[in-house]
N, C-alpha and C. Protein backbone atom coordinates (compact mmCIF):
# COMPACT_ATOMS: atom_id res chain seq x y z
N MET A 1 0.77 -1.13 -0.21
CA MET A 1 0.06 -0.06 -0.04
C MET A 1 0.83 1.10 0.06
N PRO A 2 0.65 2.28 -0.81
CA PRO A 2 1.45 3.59 -0.81
C PRO A 2 1.21 4.05 0.59
N LEU A 3 2.58 4.66 1.07
CA LEU A 3 2.49 5.53 2.21
C LEU A 3 1.57 6.64 2.20
N ILE A 4 0.70 6.75 3.01
CA ILE A 4 -0.21 8.17 3.11
C ILE A 4 0.19 8.97 4.18
N ARG A 5 0.98 10.09 3.37
CA ARG A 5 1.28 11.25 4.23
C ARG A 5 0.18 12.41 4.84
N LYS A 6 0.44 13.26 5.96
CA LYS A 6 -0.52 13.90 6.56
C LYS A 6 -0.44 15.21 5.48
N PRO A 7 -1.61 15.64 4.96
CA PRO A 7 -1.50 16.70 4.00
C PRO A 7 -1.14 18.09 4.84
N ALA A 8 -0.40 18.83 3.90
CA ALA A 8 0.08 19.85 4.22
C ALA A 8 -1.10 20.89 4.97
N GLY A 9 -0.69 21.91 5.76
CA GLY A 9 -2.15 22.62 6.45
C GLY A 9 -2.94 21.91 7.38
N SER A 10 -2.98 20.49 7.18
CA SER A 10 -4.11 19.70 8.30
C SER A 10 -3.44 20.43 9.75
N SER A 11 -4.43 20.58 10.73
CA SER A 11 -3.98 20.89 11.94
C SER A 11 -4.47 20.14 13.05
N SER A 12 -5.77 20.07 14.00
CA SER A 12 -6.16 19.36 14.65
C SER A 12 -6.36 17.80 14.27
N PRO A 13 -6.48 16.85 15.06
CA PRO A 13 -6.88 15.69 14.49
C PRO A 13 -8.66 15.76 14.48
N PRO A 14 -9.48 15.01 13.43
CA PRO A 14 -10.82 14.91 13.27
C PRO A 14 -11.25 14.42 14.37
N SER A 15 -12.58 14.71 14.46
CA SER A 15 -13.52 14.39 15.65
C SER A 15 -13.40 12.67 15.51
N ARG A 16 -13.65 11.97 16.48
CA ARG A 16 -14.04 10.52 16.34
C ARG A 16 -15.45 10.18 16.60
N ASP A 17 -16.24 11.19 16.70
CA ASP A 17 -17.55 10.86 16.52
C ASP A 17 -18.20 10.32 15.52
N PRO A 18 -18.75 9.10 15.49
CA PRO A 18 -19.19 8.13 14.28
C PRO A 18 -19.88 9.35 13.08
N VAL A 19 -20.90 10.18 13.67
CA VAL A 19 -21.72 10.95 12.78
C VAL A 19 -20.66 11.86 11.93
N SER A 20 -19.91 12.64 12.99
CA SER A 20 -18.74 13.53 12.22
C SER A 20 -18.19 12.77 11.40
N VAL A 21 -17.69 11.68 11.73
CA VAL A 21 -16.69 11.23 10.35
C VAL A 21 -17.65 10.74 9.20
N ARG A 22 -18.70 10.24 9.41
CA ARG A 22 -19.71 10.04 8.20
C ARG A 22 -19.94 11.52 7.40
N THR A 23 -20.37 12.42 7.89
CA THR A 23 -20.36 13.60 7.56
C THR A 23 -19.40 14.28 6.80
N ALA A 24 -17.92 14.05 7.28
CA ALA A 24 -16.82 14.37 6.71
C ALA A 24 -16.46 13.64 5.39
N LEU A 25 -16.63 12.32 5.60
CA LEU A 25 -16.39 11.44 4.48
C LEU A 25 -17.06 11.93 3.43
N THR A 26 -18.38 12.38 3.51
CA THR A 26 -19.33 12.44 2.15
C THR A 26 -19.07 14.16 1.58
N SER A 27 -19.21 14.76 2.88
CA SER A 27 -19.42 16.38 2.42
C SER A 27 -18.29 17.36 2.98
N GLY A 28 -17.10 16.69 3.48
CA GLY A 28 -16.23 17.65 3.71
C GLY A 28 -14.93 18.19 2.65
N THR A 29 -14.24 18.93 2.90
CA THR A 29 -13.04 19.11 1.81
C THR A 29 -12.08 18.12 1.63
N ASP A 30 -11.37 18.18 0.46
CA ASP A 30 -10.46 17.13 0.54
C ASP A 30 -9.83 16.95 1.71
N ASP A 31 -9.13 17.59 2.55
CA ASP A 31 -8.42 17.54 3.86
C ASP A 31 -9.37 16.81 4.71
N GLU A 32 -10.57 17.17 4.70
CA GLU A 32 -11.76 16.87 5.77
C GLU A 32 -11.77 15.26 5.19
N ARG A 33 -11.96 15.06 4.33
CA ARG A 33 -12.46 13.83 3.66
C ARG A 33 -11.04 12.55 4.06
N TRP A 34 -9.94 13.03 3.70
CA TRP A 34 -8.79 12.50 4.03
C TRP A 34 -8.72 12.37 5.34
N ALA A 35 -8.86 12.95 6.32
CA ALA A 35 -8.87 13.05 7.97
C ALA A 35 -10.07 11.86 8.35
N ALA A 36 -11.03 12.19 7.55
CA ALA A 36 -12.05 11.01 8.07
C ALA A 36 -11.83 9.80 7.85
N ALA A 37 -11.46 9.32 6.51
CA ALA A 37 -10.72 8.19 6.08
C ALA A 37 -9.93 7.63 6.95
N ARG A 38 -9.26 8.50 7.59
CA ARG A 38 -8.18 7.86 8.43
C ARG A 38 -8.65 7.58 9.71
N ALA A 39 -9.73 8.30 9.97
CA ALA A 39 -9.92 8.11 11.73
C ALA A 39 -11.37 6.86 11.68
N ALA A 40 -12.04 6.49 10.47
CA ALA A 40 -12.94 5.56 10.24
C ALA A 40 -12.52 4.18 10.84
N PRO A 41 -11.51 3.71 10.95
CA PRO A 41 -11.13 2.47 11.22
C PRO A 41 -11.58 2.44 12.79
N ASP A 42 -11.44 3.34 13.60
CA ASP A 42 -11.85 3.25 14.97
C ASP A 42 -13.04 3.47 15.36
N MET A 43 -14.11 3.53 14.41
CA MET A 43 -15.60 3.70 14.78
C MET A 43 -16.08 2.49 14.43
N PRO A 44 -17.28 2.31 14.93
CA PRO A 44 -18.08 1.03 14.63
C PRO A 44 -18.78 1.47 13.31
N GLU A 45 -19.08 0.12 12.57
CA GLU A 45 -19.57 0.33 11.27
C GLU A 45 -18.48 1.13 10.16
N GLY A 46 -16.98 1.09 10.56
CA GLY A 46 -16.28 1.81 9.87
C GLY A 46 -15.97 1.53 8.56
N VAL A 47 -16.37 0.19 8.26
CA VAL A 47 -15.93 -0.58 6.81
C VAL A 47 -16.98 -0.06 5.90
N ASP A 48 -18.34 0.16 6.41
CA ASP A 48 -19.32 0.51 5.27
C ASP A 48 -19.60 2.02 5.33
N ALA A 49 -19.08 2.64 5.91
CA ALA A 49 -18.74 4.11 5.97
C ALA A 49 -17.96 4.48 4.92
N LEU A 50 -16.42 3.72 4.87
CA LEU A 50 -15.49 4.20 4.06
C LEU A 50 -16.02 3.47 2.50
N GLY A 51 -16.77 2.10 2.53
CA GLY A 51 -16.94 1.55 1.31
C GLY A 51 -18.13 2.85 0.76
N ASP A 52 -18.89 2.94 1.20
CA ASP A 52 -20.21 4.16 0.84
C ASP A 52 -19.44 5.35 0.37
N ALA A 53 -18.40 5.92 0.86
CA ALA A 53 -17.65 7.08 0.51
C ALA A 53 -16.91 6.51 -0.77
N LEU A 54 -16.25 5.71 -0.76
CA LEU A 54 -15.40 5.19 -2.10
C LEU A 54 -16.24 5.37 -3.44
N ALA A 55 -17.48 4.99 -3.06
CA ALA A 55 -18.16 4.65 -4.17
C ALA A 55 -18.58 6.04 -5.09
N THR A 56 -18.20 7.08 -4.47
CA THR A 56 -18.44 8.41 -4.89
C THR A 56 -17.06 9.56 -4.87
N GLU A 57 -16.16 8.78 -4.31
CA GLU A 57 -14.92 9.82 -4.17
C GLU A 57 -13.95 9.93 -5.43
N HIS A 58 -13.77 11.08 -5.70
CA HIS A 58 -12.70 11.27 -6.96
C HIS A 58 -11.56 11.67 -6.74
N SER A 59 -11.05 11.96 -5.38
CA SER A 59 -9.74 12.39 -5.23
C SER A 59 -8.67 11.18 -4.95
N THR A 60 -7.86 11.01 -5.75
CA THR A 60 -6.94 9.89 -5.81
C THR A 60 -6.29 9.91 -4.23
N ARG A 61 -6.01 11.23 -3.75
CA ARG A 61 -5.67 11.16 -2.45
C ARG A 61 -6.27 10.28 -1.42
N VAL A 62 -7.57 10.67 -1.32
CA VAL A 62 -8.27 10.18 -0.42
C VAL A 62 -9.04 8.66 -0.50
N ARG A 63 -8.98 8.30 -2.03
CA ARG A 63 -9.12 7.13 -2.16
C ARG A 63 -8.17 6.20 -1.67
N GLU A 64 -6.96 6.85 -1.61
CA GLU A 64 -5.75 6.01 -1.21
C GLU A 64 -6.04 5.83 0.55
N ALA A 65 -6.36 6.66 0.91
CA ALA A 65 -6.54 6.97 2.51
C ALA A 65 -7.76 5.83 2.81
N ILE A 66 -8.92 5.92 2.08
CA ILE A 66 -9.69 4.91 2.22
C ILE A 66 -9.44 3.37 1.88
N PHE A 67 -8.32 3.16 0.86
CA PHE A 67 -8.24 1.61 0.67
C PHE A 67 -7.21 1.15 2.24
N THR A 68 -6.52 2.32 2.68
CA THR A 68 -5.71 1.81 3.39
C THR A 68 -6.22 1.64 4.43
N SER A 69 -7.27 2.48 5.09
CA SER A 69 -8.20 1.94 6.03
C SER A 69 -8.93 0.75 5.81
N LEU A 70 -9.62 0.65 4.64
CA LEU A 70 -9.81 -0.74 4.69
C LEU A 70 -9.17 -1.83 4.80
N ALA A 71 -8.02 -1.75 4.46
CA ALA A 71 -6.73 -2.83 4.47
C ALA A 71 -6.47 -3.03 6.15
N ARG A 72 -6.41 -1.76 6.77
CA ARG A 72 -6.13 -1.66 8.38
C ARG A 72 -7.03 -2.56 9.04
N ILE A 73 -8.27 -2.39 8.75
CA ILE A 73 -9.57 -2.93 9.44
C ILE A 73 -9.57 -4.50 9.15
N CYS A 74 -9.23 -4.84 7.89
CA CYS A 74 -8.77 -6.24 7.92
C CYS A 74 -9.72 -7.21 7.99
N THR A 75 -11.17 -7.29 7.43
CA THR A 75 -12.16 -8.33 8.03
C THR A 75 -12.64 -8.55 6.68
N ALA A 76 -13.55 -9.74 6.75
CA ALA A 76 -14.38 -10.29 5.68
C ALA A 76 -14.90 -9.08 4.81
N ARG A 77 -15.44 -8.11 5.65
CA ARG A 77 -16.53 -7.12 5.28
C ARG A 77 -15.41 -6.13 4.16
N SER A 78 -14.44 -5.96 4.74
CA SER A 78 -13.76 -5.18 4.07
C SER A 78 -13.40 -5.49 2.82
N VAL A 79 -12.85 -7.10 2.95
CA VAL A 79 -12.55 -7.66 1.40
C VAL A 79 -14.11 -7.48 0.70
N GLU A 80 -15.00 -7.38 0.88
CA GLU A 80 -16.23 -7.40 0.30
C GLU A 80 -16.47 -6.42 -0.39
N ARG A 81 -16.17 -5.14 0.16
CA ARG A 81 -16.53 -3.79 -0.17
C ARG A 81 -15.33 -3.19 -1.13
N VAL A 82 -14.22 -3.87 -1.14
CA VAL A 82 -13.00 -3.52 -1.99
C VAL A 82 -13.15 -4.56 -3.14
N VAL A 83 -13.53 -5.66 -3.34
CA VAL A 83 -13.20 -6.67 -4.21
C VAL A 83 -14.27 -6.17 -5.44
N PRO A 84 -15.43 -5.52 -5.71
CA PRO A 84 -16.12 -4.65 -6.66
C PRO A 84 -14.99 -4.04 -7.60
N TYR A 85 -14.15 -3.48 -6.85
CA TYR A 85 -13.40 -2.28 -7.71
C TYR A 85 -12.23 -2.76 -8.50
N LEU A 86 -11.87 -4.41 -8.41
CA LEU A 86 -11.16 -5.10 -9.23
C LEU A 86 -11.91 -4.68 -11.13
N ARG A 87 -12.95 -4.55 -10.78
CA ARG A 87 -13.55 -4.60 -12.23
C ARG A 87 -13.84 -3.31 -12.54
N SER A 88 -13.17 -2.34 -12.18
CA SER A 88 -13.55 -0.70 -12.39
C SER A 88 -12.31 -0.61 -13.61
N ASP A 89 -13.34 0.56 -14.53
CA ASP A 89 -12.55 0.76 -15.75
C ASP A 89 -11.40 2.02 -15.33
N ASP A 90 -11.47 2.20 -14.09
CA ASP A 90 -10.60 3.24 -13.93
C ASP A 90 -9.25 2.39 -13.16
N ALA A 91 -8.23 2.62 -13.82
CA ALA A 91 -6.83 2.03 -13.37
C ALA A 91 -6.70 2.08 -11.89
N SER A 92 -6.53 3.44 -11.27
CA SER A 92 -6.27 3.89 -10.19
C SER A 92 -6.94 3.31 -9.15
N LEU A 93 -8.30 3.02 -9.78
CA LEU A 93 -9.02 2.15 -8.39
C LEU A 93 -8.69 0.64 -8.50
N ARG A 94 -8.54 0.11 -9.71
CA ARG A 94 -8.13 -1.35 -9.84
C ARG A 94 -6.96 -1.60 -8.79
N THR A 95 -6.08 -0.91 -9.43
CA THR A 95 -4.71 -0.77 -8.38
C THR A 95 -4.87 -0.80 -6.86
N GLY A 96 -5.52 0.58 -6.73
CA GLY A 96 -5.77 0.67 -5.24
C GLY A 96 -6.53 -0.66 -4.43
N ALA A 97 -7.37 -1.21 -5.20
CA ALA A 97 -8.38 -2.39 -4.63
C ALA A 97 -7.13 -3.73 -4.53
N LEU A 98 -6.40 -3.77 -5.53
CA LEU A 98 -5.44 -5.06 -5.39
C LEU A 98 -4.47 -4.77 -4.42
N ASP A 99 -4.13 -3.62 -4.37
CA ASP A 99 -2.93 -3.35 -3.08
C ASP A 99 -3.76 -3.44 -1.84
N ALA A 100 -5.12 -2.95 -1.69
CA ALA A 100 -5.52 -3.48 -0.36
C ALA A 100 -5.77 -4.97 -0.26
N LEU A 101 -6.08 -5.55 -1.28
CA LEU A 101 -6.40 -6.79 -1.03
C LEU A 101 -5.26 -7.80 -0.64
N ARG A 102 -4.11 -7.13 -1.39
CA ARG A 102 -2.75 -8.11 -0.88
C ARG A 102 -2.55 -7.70 0.27
N ALA A 103 -2.75 -6.53 0.91
CA ALA A 103 -2.42 -6.28 2.39
C ALA A 103 -3.25 -7.15 3.45
N MET A 104 -4.65 -7.68 2.88
CA MET A 104 -5.37 -8.32 3.73
C MET A 104 -5.12 -9.85 3.49
N LYS A 105 -4.03 -10.36 3.48
CA LYS A 105 -3.61 -11.69 2.91
C LYS A 105 -4.37 -12.59 3.88
N THR A 106 -4.53 -12.17 5.19
CA THR A 106 -5.14 -13.08 6.42
C THR A 106 -6.55 -13.33 6.05
N VAL A 107 -7.22 -12.60 5.37
CA VAL A 107 -8.70 -12.86 5.13
C VAL A 107 -9.20 -13.05 3.58
N VAL A 108 -8.25 -12.63 2.77
CA VAL A 108 -8.64 -12.56 1.19
C VAL A 108 -8.75 -14.37 0.75
N GLY A 109 -8.19 -15.05 1.38
CA GLY A 109 -7.96 -16.61 1.06
C GLY A 109 -9.44 -17.22 0.38
N PRO A 110 -10.31 -16.92 1.69
CA PRO A 110 -11.66 -17.65 1.18
C PRO A 110 -12.36 -17.01 -0.06
N TYR A 111 -12.12 -15.85 -0.51
CA TYR A 111 -12.57 -15.25 -1.95
C TYR A 111 -11.94 -15.67 -2.84
N LEU A 112 -10.66 -16.04 -2.93
CA LEU A 112 -9.76 -16.56 -4.05
C LEU A 112 -10.49 -17.73 -5.18
N PRO A 113 -11.07 -18.60 -4.37
CA PRO A 113 -11.35 -19.61 -5.40
C PRO A 113 -12.91 -18.79 -6.58
N ARG A 114 -13.75 -18.21 -5.90
CA ARG A 114 -14.21 -17.47 -6.60
C ARG A 114 -13.95 -16.84 -7.87
N LEU A 115 -12.73 -15.72 -7.39
CA LEU A 115 -12.16 -14.76 -8.15
C LEU A 115 -11.40 -15.69 -9.20
N LEU A 116 -10.79 -16.69 -8.90
CA LEU A 116 -9.90 -17.56 -10.02
C LEU A 116 -10.81 -18.17 -11.10
N HIS A 117 -12.13 -18.30 -11.06
CA HIS A 117 -13.05 -18.97 -11.55
C HIS A 117 -13.90 -17.88 -12.34
N ASP A 118 -13.85 -16.72 -12.10
CA ASP A 118 -14.84 -15.65 -12.44
C ASP A 118 -14.76 -15.56 -13.72
N GLU A 119 -15.88 -15.14 -14.46
CA GLU A 119 -16.14 -15.38 -16.03
C GLU A 119 -15.13 -14.22 -16.89
N ASP A 120 -14.82 -13.19 -15.96
CA ASP A 120 -14.09 -12.20 -16.82
C ASP A 120 -12.43 -12.49 -16.47
N ALA A 121 -11.69 -12.90 -17.55
CA ALA A 121 -10.33 -13.13 -17.54
C ALA A 121 -9.41 -12.33 -16.84
N ASP A 122 -9.46 -10.91 -16.69
CA ASP A 122 -8.76 -9.88 -16.14
C ASP A 122 -9.11 -10.48 -14.59
N ILE A 123 -10.02 -10.45 -14.17
CA ILE A 123 -10.50 -10.83 -12.87
C ILE A 123 -9.67 -11.82 -12.33
N ARG A 124 -9.55 -13.21 -12.87
CA ARG A 124 -8.71 -14.41 -12.95
C ARG A 124 -7.06 -13.88 -12.80
N LEU A 125 -6.88 -13.20 -13.78
CA LEU A 125 -5.31 -12.67 -13.97
C LEU A 125 -5.03 -11.65 -12.77
N LEU A 126 -5.67 -11.08 -11.99
CA LEU A 126 -5.72 -10.23 -10.69
C LEU A 126 -5.71 -11.34 -9.61
N ALA A 127 -6.25 -12.25 -9.44
CA ALA A 127 -6.61 -13.40 -8.43
C ALA A 127 -5.18 -14.04 -8.27
N CYS A 128 -4.76 -14.35 -9.56
CA CYS A 128 -3.05 -15.22 -9.22
C CYS A 128 -2.18 -13.92 -8.71
N GLU A 129 -2.40 -12.82 -8.86
CA GLU A 129 -1.55 -12.04 -8.22
C GLU A 129 -1.78 -11.94 -6.62
N LEU A 130 -3.19 -12.27 -6.21
CA LEU A 130 -3.48 -12.19 -4.87
C LEU A 130 -2.96 -13.50 -4.31
N ALA A 131 -2.82 -14.64 -5.16
CA ALA A 131 -2.66 -15.74 -4.74
C ALA A 131 -1.17 -15.97 -4.15
N ARG A 132 -0.33 -14.76 -4.73
CA ARG A 132 1.11 -14.63 -4.38
C ARG A 132 1.39 -14.76 -2.86
N ASN A 133 0.58 -13.97 -2.06
CA ASN A 133 0.87 -13.85 -0.85
C ASN A 133 0.26 -15.08 0.11
N LEU A 134 -0.18 -16.04 -0.41
CA LEU A 134 -0.65 -17.02 0.37
C LEU A 134 0.40 -18.14 0.82
N PRO A 135 0.31 -18.88 1.63
CA PRO A 135 1.37 -20.04 2.03
C PRO A 135 1.40 -20.76 0.82
N SER A 136 2.51 -21.59 0.53
CA SER A 136 2.99 -22.28 -0.67
C SER A 136 1.92 -23.30 -0.88
N GLU A 137 1.27 -24.14 -0.03
CA GLU A 137 0.53 -25.00 -0.31
C GLU A 137 -0.80 -24.67 -0.78
N GLU A 138 -1.52 -23.48 0.03
CA GLU A 138 -2.59 -23.03 -0.52
C GLU A 138 -2.62 -22.59 -1.78
N ALA A 139 -1.66 -21.84 -2.15
CA ALA A 139 -1.66 -20.95 -3.49
C ALA A 139 -1.29 -22.17 -4.21
N THR A 140 -0.67 -23.14 -4.38
CA THR A 140 -0.46 -24.21 -5.23
C THR A 140 -1.50 -24.93 -5.64
N ARG A 141 -2.40 -25.48 -4.61
CA ARG A 141 -3.61 -25.88 -4.93
C ARG A 141 -4.54 -24.96 -5.70
N LEU A 142 -4.76 -23.66 -5.04
CA LEU A 142 -5.67 -22.77 -5.79
C LEU A 142 -5.31 -22.62 -7.53
N LEU A 143 -4.14 -22.54 -7.42
CA LEU A 143 -3.38 -22.09 -8.98
C LEU A 143 -3.68 -23.29 -10.07
N CYS A 144 -3.23 -24.41 -9.25
CA CYS A 144 -3.19 -25.75 -9.73
C CYS A 144 -4.72 -26.02 -10.24
N GLY A 145 -5.82 -25.63 -9.59
CA GLY A 145 -7.10 -25.66 -9.72
C GLY A 145 -7.89 -24.81 -11.14
N LEU A 146 -6.89 -23.52 -11.02
CA LEU A 146 -7.03 -22.88 -11.95
C LEU A 146 -6.24 -23.37 -13.58
N LEU A 147 -5.32 -23.73 -13.52
CA LEU A 147 -4.56 -24.38 -14.74
C LEU A 147 -5.19 -25.60 -15.22
N ASP A 148 -6.06 -26.44 -14.46
CA ASP A 148 -6.61 -27.46 -15.22
C ASP A 148 -8.12 -27.21 -15.78
N SER A 149 -8.33 -26.16 -15.80
CA SER A 149 -9.39 -25.64 -16.47
C SER A 149 -9.50 -24.18 -17.63
N GLU A 150 -8.38 -23.62 -17.19
CA GLU A 150 -8.07 -22.38 -17.83
C GLU A 150 -7.77 -22.46 -19.44
N ARG A 151 -8.49 -21.52 -19.94
CA ARG A 151 -8.48 -21.42 -21.57
C ARG A 151 -7.69 -20.36 -22.06
N GLU A 152 -7.36 -19.26 -21.50
CA GLU A 152 -6.87 -18.07 -21.75
C GLU A 152 -5.30 -17.95 -21.46
N SER A 153 -4.35 -18.33 -22.55
CA SER A 153 -2.90 -18.33 -22.28
C SER A 153 -2.36 -17.34 -21.24
N ASN A 154 -3.06 -15.79 -21.12
CA ASN A 154 -2.52 -14.91 -20.52
C ASN A 154 -2.59 -15.27 -19.09
N VAL A 155 -3.87 -16.06 -18.52
CA VAL A 155 -4.05 -16.09 -17.24
C VAL A 155 -3.19 -17.62 -16.83
N CYS A 156 -3.09 -18.30 -17.75
CA CYS A 156 -2.13 -19.45 -17.38
C CYS A 156 -0.85 -18.80 -17.08
N SER A 157 -0.63 -18.23 -18.06
CA SER A 157 1.01 -17.59 -17.83
C SER A 157 1.29 -16.86 -16.38
N GLY A 158 0.20 -16.19 -16.02
CA GLY A 158 -0.05 -15.22 -14.54
C GLY A 158 0.13 -16.43 -13.60
N ALA A 159 -0.69 -17.41 -13.74
CA ALA A 159 -0.77 -18.43 -12.69
C ALA A 159 0.88 -19.27 -12.62
N VAL A 160 1.08 -19.43 -13.69
CA VAL A 160 2.41 -20.09 -13.99
C VAL A 160 3.65 -19.26 -13.03
N GLU A 161 3.71 -18.00 -13.58
CA GLU A 161 4.42 -16.99 -12.77
C GLU A 161 4.73 -17.11 -11.19
N VAL A 162 3.34 -17.16 -10.80
CA VAL A 162 3.30 -17.42 -9.36
C VAL A 162 3.84 -18.61 -8.95
N LEU A 163 3.45 -19.53 -9.61
CA LEU A 163 3.69 -20.69 -9.05
C LEU A 163 5.38 -21.01 -9.22
N ALA A 164 5.98 -20.28 -10.12
CA ALA A 164 7.51 -20.13 -10.45
C ALA A 164 8.14 -19.83 -9.11
N GLU A 165 7.21 -18.85 -8.24
CA GLU A 165 7.86 -18.49 -6.86
C GLU A 165 7.51 -18.86 -5.53
N VAL A 166 6.03 -19.74 -5.86
CA VAL A 166 5.76 -20.12 -4.48
C VAL A 166 5.20 -21.87 -4.50
N GLY A 167 5.42 -22.04 -5.73
CA GLY A 167 4.79 -23.56 -6.14
C GLY A 167 5.45 -24.78 -5.41
N GLY A 168 4.71 -25.69 -5.18
CA GLY A 168 5.45 -27.00 -4.78
C GLY A 168 5.38 -28.22 -5.51
N ARG A 169 6.12 -28.92 -5.19
CA ARG A 169 6.00 -30.19 -6.54
C ARG A 169 4.65 -30.91 -7.03
N GLU A 170 3.57 -30.57 -5.92
CA GLU A 170 2.35 -31.18 -6.60
C GLU A 170 1.97 -30.26 -7.72
N ALA A 171 2.57 -29.40 -8.25
CA ALA A 171 2.15 -28.50 -9.05
C ALA A 171 2.76 -29.17 -10.53
N LEU A 172 3.65 -29.97 -10.56
CA LEU A 172 4.45 -30.21 -11.63
C LEU A 172 3.37 -31.15 -12.76
N PRO A 173 2.68 -32.19 -12.36
CA PRO A 173 1.75 -32.83 -13.28
C PRO A 173 0.92 -31.90 -13.94
N VAL A 174 0.15 -30.81 -13.18
CA VAL A 174 -0.72 -29.86 -13.48
C VAL A 174 -0.05 -29.04 -14.77
N LEU A 175 1.47 -28.59 -14.48
CA LEU A 175 2.13 -27.74 -15.09
C LEU A 175 2.33 -28.42 -16.87
N GLU A 176 2.65 -29.77 -16.55
CA GLU A 176 2.88 -30.44 -17.71
C GLU A 176 1.59 -30.81 -18.52
N ARG A 177 0.51 -30.82 -17.96
CA ARG A 177 -1.02 -30.96 -18.66
C ARG A 177 -1.25 -29.47 -19.25
N CYS A 178 -0.81 -28.29 -18.73
CA CYS A 178 -1.05 -27.21 -18.83
C CYS A 178 -0.09 -26.93 -20.57
N ALA A 179 1.01 -27.51 -20.19
CA ALA A 179 1.99 -27.29 -21.41
C ALA A 179 1.72 -28.25 -22.83
N ASP A 180 0.97 -29.38 -22.47
CA ASP A 180 0.44 -30.16 -23.49
C ASP A 180 -0.70 -29.47 -24.05
N ARG A 181 -1.57 -28.78 -23.15
CA ARG A 181 -2.89 -28.19 -23.70
C ARG A 181 -2.66 -26.85 -24.57
N PHE A 182 -1.38 -26.33 -24.18
CA PHE A 182 -0.92 -25.13 -24.96
C PHE A 182 0.11 -25.18 -26.12
N ARG A 183 0.38 -26.59 -26.50
CA ARG A 183 1.64 -26.67 -27.22
C ARG A 183 1.57 -25.94 -28.56
N GLY A 184 2.68 -25.47 -28.80
CA GLY A 184 2.86 -24.27 -29.64
C GLY A 184 2.68 -22.85 -29.29
N THR A 185 2.30 -22.47 -27.94
CA THR A 185 2.30 -21.11 -27.61
C THR A 185 3.59 -21.09 -27.16
N ALA A 186 4.46 -20.36 -27.77
CA ALA A 186 5.85 -20.45 -27.21
C ALA A 186 6.16 -20.08 -25.90
N PHE A 187 5.56 -18.68 -25.65
CA PHE A 187 6.01 -17.89 -24.56
C PHE A 187 5.52 -18.94 -23.50
N LEU A 188 4.49 -19.29 -23.30
CA LEU A 188 3.65 -20.17 -22.30
C LEU A 188 4.74 -21.58 -22.05
N GLU A 189 4.80 -22.23 -23.22
CA GLU A 189 5.80 -23.27 -23.21
C GLU A 189 6.89 -22.96 -22.35
N PHE A 190 7.81 -21.76 -22.53
CA PHE A 190 8.96 -21.46 -22.24
C PHE A 190 8.81 -21.18 -20.75
N SER A 191 7.72 -20.36 -20.05
CA SER A 191 7.28 -20.02 -18.77
C SER A 191 7.38 -21.37 -18.16
N ILE A 192 6.45 -22.36 -18.63
CA ILE A 192 6.19 -23.52 -17.95
C ILE A 192 7.46 -24.58 -17.75
N ARG A 193 8.12 -24.43 -18.69
CA ARG A 193 9.65 -25.20 -18.38
C ARG A 193 10.66 -24.61 -17.58
N ILE A 194 10.76 -23.26 -17.29
CA ILE A 194 11.47 -22.63 -16.31
C ILE A 194 11.00 -22.88 -15.01
N THR A 195 9.52 -22.99 -14.94
CA THR A 195 9.08 -23.01 -13.39
C THR A 195 9.09 -24.63 -13.05
N VAL A 196 8.92 -25.57 -14.07
CA VAL A 196 9.08 -26.69 -13.63
C VAL A 196 10.64 -27.18 -13.18
N ASP A 197 11.50 -26.48 -14.11
CA ASP A 197 12.97 -26.56 -13.66
C ASP A 197 13.15 -26.12 -12.29
N ARG A 198 12.64 -25.00 -12.13
CA ARG A 198 13.01 -23.96 -10.62
C ARG A 198 12.18 -24.92 -9.44
N ILE A 199 10.97 -25.32 -9.88
CA ILE A 199 10.45 -26.38 -8.71
C ILE A 199 10.93 -27.47 -8.17
N ARG A 200 11.46 -28.05 -9.20
CA ARG A 200 12.08 -29.14 -8.97
C ARG A 200 13.68 -29.24 -8.56
N ALA A 201 14.10 -28.22 -8.78
CA ALA A 201 15.61 -27.72 -8.13
C ALA A 201 15.27 -27.17 -6.56
N GLN A 202 14.22 -26.41 -6.37
CA GLN A 202 13.77 -26.17 -4.90
C GLN A 202 13.52 -27.37 -3.80
N SER A 203 13.14 -28.39 -4.74
CA SER A 203 12.39 -29.38 -3.75
C SER A 203 13.02 -30.52 -3.70
N SER A 204 14.27 -30.68 -4.44
CA SER A 204 14.92 -31.82 -4.44
C SER A 204 16.03 -31.79 -3.22
N PRO A 205 16.22 -32.82 -2.45
CA PRO A 205 16.94 -33.18 -1.53
C PRO A 205 18.39 -32.57 -1.85
N PRO A 206 19.18 -32.12 -0.63
CA PRO A 206 20.24 -31.88 -1.06
C PRO A 206 21.55 -33.07 -1.22
N ARG A 207 22.42 -32.84 -1.93
CA ARG A 207 23.23 -33.78 -2.20
C ARG A 207 24.17 -34.06 -1.20
N GLU A 208 24.64 -35.20 -0.94
CA GLU A 208 25.40 -35.66 0.15
C GLU A 208 27.12 -35.13 -0.17
C-alpha cells in the first residue's frame, strides 16, 4: 500500500464521533475527507462508511486513504467492499483495490476460489497475483485448480509466474498438462519449462 502522508495544512485531529466522521467522508473538503478516512477504522461500522464514501470519491489521495483504512480494518467485510473495484474501468481504482487486498492476505483467501474462476479473464489474472501472498500449499492448490480448466493463455501465464515463486512439487503434473494443452504457444511453453525446472530444483533433497 502507498504511504499516506498527512496533507500540508492539516491541524487538529478529526473528531472521532461516528456521525461527524460520516459527514466529513461525504461532504467535507479534500483534507477533511482524508482525515475522516484515516479516523474511520476506529469507529463502529467504519467499513461500510468507508465503502460508501469510496463509491463517490474522486480524489486519488482520499481514495488511497480509504483503501489503506479498509486494509487496516482487515475483515471479511473489508474484502467484500473492495473486491468490486477490481472490475473498475479506472486503473487507479483497480490498483488501489489490488493493493488493499494484498494487504489483507489473512482474510482474502476464502474469496480467491471464486475470483480465480470468475467469467472475466482480467479478474482471474488479478486473482493470481493475490495468490502470491498465500502459503505455498494453499497457493499451489488454488492455482493448480485454475490451470486445469483455464483456456486463456495469458491467465495461465500469470498463474505459472506465481507458481514459479511459491509452487510445490504437486504442481508439476498440472504444469505438464497445461504445456500439452497449449503446445505451440511459445511464451507459455517456455515459462512452464522454467517453472518446472525451478520447482524441481527447490524441492530436490541436498546432495551428500
